[in-house]
Amino acid sequence: MSYMMVGTYGPFSSLLDERAMMCFKEATAHFDDFIYTPVAVATQVVSGTNYAFFCDVNSKESSQVYSAMVTIFKPLDGVAGIMDIERLAS
């Protein structure tokens, strides 16, 4: 049995459920120049949910590929929004 304390991120999982994917798509719908593909996600329960997505990133204009951590906040009522995008060292 697994217990998660409120306010801390749980472990990363490569199994992205429907709720996480809907949140990711909602928050990244306006992205035009890059394609972000979530590979794993960790969640943090707050007054809403924080999502930390480990992503592969592809540039639409070049062959540039890198990894990034995309942090998204989904309030209890409202639209998910990007809190931070951190490019990760290769």
N, C-alpha and C. Protein backbone atom coordinates (compact mmCIF):
# COMPACT_ATOMS: atom_id res chain seq x y z
N MET A 1 0.84 -1.17 0.00
CA MET A 1 0.00 0.00 0.00
C MET A 1 0.89 1.23 0.00
N SER A 2 0.50 2.25 -0.76
CA SER A 2 1.29 3.46 -0.89
C SER A 2 0.57 4.63 -0.23
N TYR A 3 1.31 5.41 0.53
CA TYR A 3 0.76 6.59 1.18
C TYR A 3 1.48 7.82 0.64
N MET A 4 0.73 8.89 0.37
CA MET A 4 1.34 10.12 -0.12
C MET A 4 0.91 11.25 0.79
N MET A 5 1.86 12.01 1.30
CA MET A 5 1.54 13.15 2.14
C MET A 5 1.06 14.30 1.26
N VAL A 6 0.04 15.00 1.74
CA VAL A 6 -0.44 16.18 1.04
C VAL A 6 0.68 17.21 1.04
N GLY A 7 0.89 17.86 -0.09
CA GLY A 7 1.92 18.90 -0.19
C GLY A 7 3.24 18.42 -0.73
N THR A 8 3.43 17.12 -0.91
CA THR A 8 4.68 16.62 -1.48
C THR A 8 4.38 15.95 -2.82
N TYR A 9 5.37 15.98 -3.71
CA TYR A 9 5.21 15.27 -4.98
C TYR A 9 5.32 13.77 -4.75
N GLY A 10 4.50 13.03 -5.44
CA GLY A 10 4.61 11.58 -5.44
C GLY A 10 5.72 11.17 -6.40
N PRO A 11 5.94 9.88 -6.55
CA PRO A 11 6.98 9.41 -7.47
C PRO A 11 6.56 9.63 -8.93
N PHE A 12 7.56 9.73 -9.80
CA PHE A 12 7.28 9.84 -11.23
C PHE A 12 6.77 8.51 -11.75
N SER A 13 5.85 8.59 -12.70
CA SER A 13 5.30 7.40 -13.33
C SER A 13 5.23 7.62 -14.83
N SER A 14 5.55 6.59 -15.58
CA SER A 14 5.44 6.68 -17.04
C SER A 14 4.02 6.35 -17.49
N LEU A 15 3.15 6.00 -16.56
CA LEU A 15 1.74 5.75 -16.88
C LEU A 15 0.98 7.06 -16.69
N LEU A 16 0.74 7.75 -17.80
CA LEU A 16 0.05 9.04 -17.76
C LEU A 16 -1.45 8.80 -17.91
N ASP A 17 -2.19 9.06 -16.84
CA ASP A 17 -3.63 8.81 -16.89
C ASP A 17 -4.35 9.90 -17.69
N GLU A 18 -5.63 9.69 -17.93
CA GLU A 18 -6.42 10.61 -18.75
C GLU A 18 -6.48 12.01 -18.14
N ARG A 19 -6.59 12.10 -16.83
CA ARG A 19 -6.65 13.41 -16.17
C ARG A 19 -5.36 14.20 -16.38
N ALA A 20 -4.22 13.54 -16.23
CA ALA A 20 -2.93 14.20 -16.43
C ALA A 20 -2.77 14.66 -17.88
N MET A 21 -3.15 13.80 -18.83
CA MET A 21 -3.01 14.16 -20.24
C MET A 21 -3.95 15.31 -20.63
N MET A 22 -5.16 15.33 -20.09
CA MET A 22 -6.08 16.43 -20.37
C MET A 22 -5.52 17.74 -19.84
N CYS A 23 -4.95 17.71 -18.64
CA CYS A 23 -4.33 18.89 -18.04
C CYS A 23 -3.16 19.37 -18.90
N PHE A 24 -2.31 18.45 -19.34
CA PHE A 24 -1.15 18.79 -20.16
C PHE A 24 -1.60 19.44 -21.47
N LYS A 25 -2.58 18.85 -22.14
CA LYS A 25 -3.07 19.38 -23.41
C LYS A 25 -3.70 20.76 -23.23
N GLU A 26 -4.43 20.95 -22.15
CA GLU A 26 -5.06 22.24 -21.87
C GLU A 26 -4.01 23.33 -21.66
N ALA A 27 -2.96 23.02 -20.92
CA ALA A 27 -1.94 24.01 -20.60
C ALA A 27 -1.00 24.31 -21.76
N THR A 28 -0.82 23.35 -22.67
CA THR A 28 0.15 23.53 -23.77
C THR A 28 -0.52 23.76 -25.12
N ALA A 29 -1.81 23.98 -25.13
CA ALA A 29 -2.55 24.13 -26.40
C ALA A 29 -2.03 25.27 -27.27
N HIS A 30 -1.45 26.29 -26.65
CA HIS A 30 -0.97 27.45 -27.41
C HIS A 30 0.47 27.31 -27.92
N PHE A 31 1.14 26.21 -27.62
CA PHE A 31 2.52 26.03 -28.07
C PHE A 31 2.56 25.85 -29.58
N ASP A 32 3.36 26.67 -30.27
CA ASP A 32 3.43 26.62 -31.72
C ASP A 32 4.77 26.16 -32.26
N ASP A 33 5.87 26.55 -31.63
CA ASP A 33 7.20 26.32 -32.19
C ASP A 33 7.83 24.98 -31.78
N PHE A 34 7.35 24.38 -30.70
CA PHE A 34 7.93 23.16 -30.18
C PHE A 34 6.84 22.14 -29.91
N ILE A 35 7.21 20.87 -30.03
CA ILE A 35 6.31 19.77 -29.71
C ILE A 35 6.81 19.15 -28.41
N TYR A 36 5.99 19.24 -27.36
CA TYR A 36 6.32 18.66 -26.06
C TYR A 36 5.59 17.32 -25.94
N THR A 37 6.36 16.26 -25.68
CA THR A 37 5.79 14.93 -25.52
C THR A 37 6.06 14.45 -24.10
N PRO A 38 5.01 14.37 -23.27
CA PRO A 38 5.25 13.93 -21.89
C PRO A 38 5.64 12.46 -21.83
N VAL A 39 6.66 12.18 -21.02
CA VAL A 39 7.18 10.82 -20.88
C VAL A 39 6.84 10.26 -19.49
N ALA A 40 6.84 11.13 -18.48
CA ALA A 40 6.54 10.71 -17.11
C ALA A 40 5.94 11.91 -16.37
N VAL A 41 5.20 11.61 -15.31
CA VAL A 41 4.55 12.67 -14.54
C VAL A 41 4.59 12.34 -13.05
N ALA A 42 4.72 13.38 -12.24
CA ALA A 42 4.57 13.29 -10.78
C ALA A 42 3.54 14.35 -10.40
N THR A 43 2.75 14.07 -9.37
CA THR A 43 1.73 15.02 -8.96
C THR A 43 1.92 15.43 -7.51
N GLN A 44 1.41 16.63 -7.20
CA GLN A 44 1.44 17.18 -5.86
C GLN A 44 0.05 17.72 -5.57
N VAL A 45 -0.59 17.21 -4.54
CA VAL A 45 -1.92 17.67 -4.17
C VAL A 45 -1.79 18.92 -3.31
N VAL A 46 -2.39 20.00 -3.78
CA VAL A 46 -2.44 21.27 -3.06
C VAL A 46 -3.89 21.72 -3.15
N SER A 47 -4.15 23.00 -3.20
CA SER A 47 -5.51 23.47 -3.46
C SER A 47 -5.70 23.41 -4.98
N GLY A 48 -5.81 22.21 -5.48
CA GLY A 48 -5.74 21.88 -6.90
C GLY A 48 -4.65 20.83 -7.02
N THR A 49 -4.01 20.76 -8.16
CA THR A 49 -2.93 19.78 -8.36
C THR A 49 -1.79 20.41 -9.15
N ASN A 50 -0.58 20.21 -8.66
CA ASN A 50 0.62 20.54 -9.42
C ASN A 50 1.06 19.28 -10.15
N TYR A 51 1.42 19.45 -11.41
CA TYR A 51 1.93 18.34 -12.21
C TYR A 51 3.35 18.70 -12.64
N ALA A 52 4.27 17.76 -12.50
CA ALA A 52 5.62 17.90 -13.04
C ALA A 52 5.76 16.86 -14.15
N PHE A 53 5.82 17.34 -15.38
CA PHE A 53 5.93 16.46 -16.54
C PHE A 53 7.37 16.45 -17.04
N PHE A 54 7.96 15.27 -17.13
CA PHE A 54 9.25 15.10 -17.80
C PHE A 54 8.91 14.91 -19.27
N CYS A 55 9.44 15.78 -20.14
CA CYS A 55 9.06 15.77 -21.55
C CYS A 55 10.25 15.67 -22.49
N ASP A 56 10.01 15.06 -23.64
CA ASP A 56 10.90 15.17 -24.78
C ASP A 56 10.39 16.36 -25.59
N VAL A 57 11.32 17.20 -26.06
CA VAL A 57 10.94 18.41 -26.78
C VAL A 57 11.58 18.39 -28.15
N ASN A 58 10.77 18.63 -29.18
CA ASN A 58 11.24 18.70 -30.57
C ASN A 58 10.90 20.06 -31.14
N SER A 59 11.88 20.68 -31.79
CA SER A 59 11.64 21.95 -32.47
C SER A 59 10.99 21.66 -33.82
N LYS A 60 9.97 22.43 -34.17
CA LYS A 60 9.32 22.25 -35.47
C LYS A 60 10.17 22.78 -36.62
N GLU A 61 11.11 23.68 -36.31
CA GLU A 61 11.90 24.32 -37.37
C GLU A 61 13.31 23.74 -37.53
N SER A 62 13.72 22.87 -36.63
CA SER A 62 15.05 22.28 -36.75
C SER A 62 15.00 20.85 -36.20
N SER A 63 16.13 20.20 -36.23
CA SER A 63 16.19 18.83 -35.72
C SER A 63 16.56 18.81 -34.24
N GLN A 64 16.50 19.96 -33.59
CA GLN A 64 16.87 20.07 -32.19
C GLN A 64 15.91 19.25 -31.31
N VAL A 65 16.49 18.40 -30.47
CA VAL A 65 15.71 17.58 -29.53
C VAL A 65 16.37 17.70 -28.16
N TYR A 66 15.56 17.91 -27.12
CA TYR A 66 16.09 17.98 -25.77
C TYR A 66 15.00 17.56 -24.79
N SER A 67 15.37 17.51 -23.50
CA SER A 67 14.42 17.16 -22.45
C SER A 67 14.11 18.40 -21.62
N ALA A 68 12.90 18.42 -21.05
CA ALA A 68 12.49 19.54 -20.21
C ALA A 68 11.54 19.06 -19.13
N MET A 69 11.54 19.80 -18.02
CA MET A 69 10.57 19.57 -16.95
C MET A 69 9.54 20.69 -17.07
N VAL A 70 8.29 20.31 -17.27
CA VAL A 70 7.19 21.27 -17.42
C VAL A 70 6.31 21.15 -16.19
N THR A 71 6.21 22.25 -15.44
CA THR A 71 5.38 22.28 -14.24
C THR A 71 4.08 23.00 -14.56
N ILE A 72 2.97 22.34 -14.27
CA ILE A 72 1.63 22.85 -14.57
C ILE A 72 0.80 22.84 -13.30
N PHE A 73 0.02 23.91 -13.08
CA PHE A 73 -0.92 23.95 -11.96
C PHE A 73 -2.33 23.88 -12.50
N LYS A 74 -3.12 22.96 -11.97
CA LYS A 74 -4.52 22.83 -12.32
C LYS A 74 -5.34 23.14 -11.06
N PRO A 75 -6.01 24.32 -11.02
CA PRO A 75 -6.82 24.65 -9.85
C PRO A 75 -8.04 23.74 -9.76
N LEU A 76 -8.68 23.73 -8.61
CA LEU A 76 -9.87 22.90 -8.43
C LEU A 76 -10.94 23.28 -9.45
N ASP A 77 -11.12 24.56 -9.66
CA ASP A 77 -12.05 25.07 -10.67
C ASP A 77 -11.29 26.04 -11.55
N GLY A 78 -11.14 25.72 -12.81
CA GLY A 78 -10.43 26.63 -13.71
C GLY A 78 -9.53 25.90 -14.67
N VAL A 79 -8.80 26.71 -15.41
CA VAL A 79 -7.96 26.22 -16.50
C VAL A 79 -6.54 25.95 -16.00
N ALA A 80 -5.94 24.87 -16.48
CA ALA A 80 -4.55 24.54 -16.16
C ALA A 80 -3.62 25.55 -16.81
N GLY A 81 -2.54 25.88 -16.11
CA GLY A 81 -1.58 26.84 -16.64
C GLY A 81 -0.14 26.43 -16.38
N ILE A 82 0.74 26.85 -17.24
CA ILE A 82 2.18 26.58 -17.12
C ILE A 82 2.74 27.42 -15.98
N MET A 83 3.44 26.78 -15.07
CA MET A 83 4.11 27.48 -13.98
C MET A 83 5.60 27.66 -14.29
N ASP A 84 6.19 26.66 -14.96
CA ASP A 84 7.62 26.72 -15.24
C ASP A 84 7.97 25.70 -16.33
N ILE A 85 8.94 26.06 -17.14
CA ILE A 85 9.53 25.12 -18.10
C ILE A 85 11.04 25.21 -17.91
N GLU A 86 11.64 24.09 -17.54
CA GLU A 86 13.08 24.06 -17.30
C GLU A 86 13.73 23.09 -18.28
N ARG A 87 14.60 23.63 -19.12
CA ARG A 87 15.35 22.77 -20.04
C ARG A 87 16.37 22.00 -19.22
N LEU A 88 16.44 20.69 -19.42
CA LEU A 88 17.33 19.85 -18.65
C LEU A 88 18.63 19.61 -19.40
N ALA A 89 19.72 19.56 -18.65
CA ALA A 89 21.02 19.31 -19.25
C ALA A 89 21.07 17.90 -19.82
N SER A 90 21.74 17.76 -20.97
CA SER A 90 21.83 16.43 -21.58
C SER A 90 22.99 15.67 -21.06
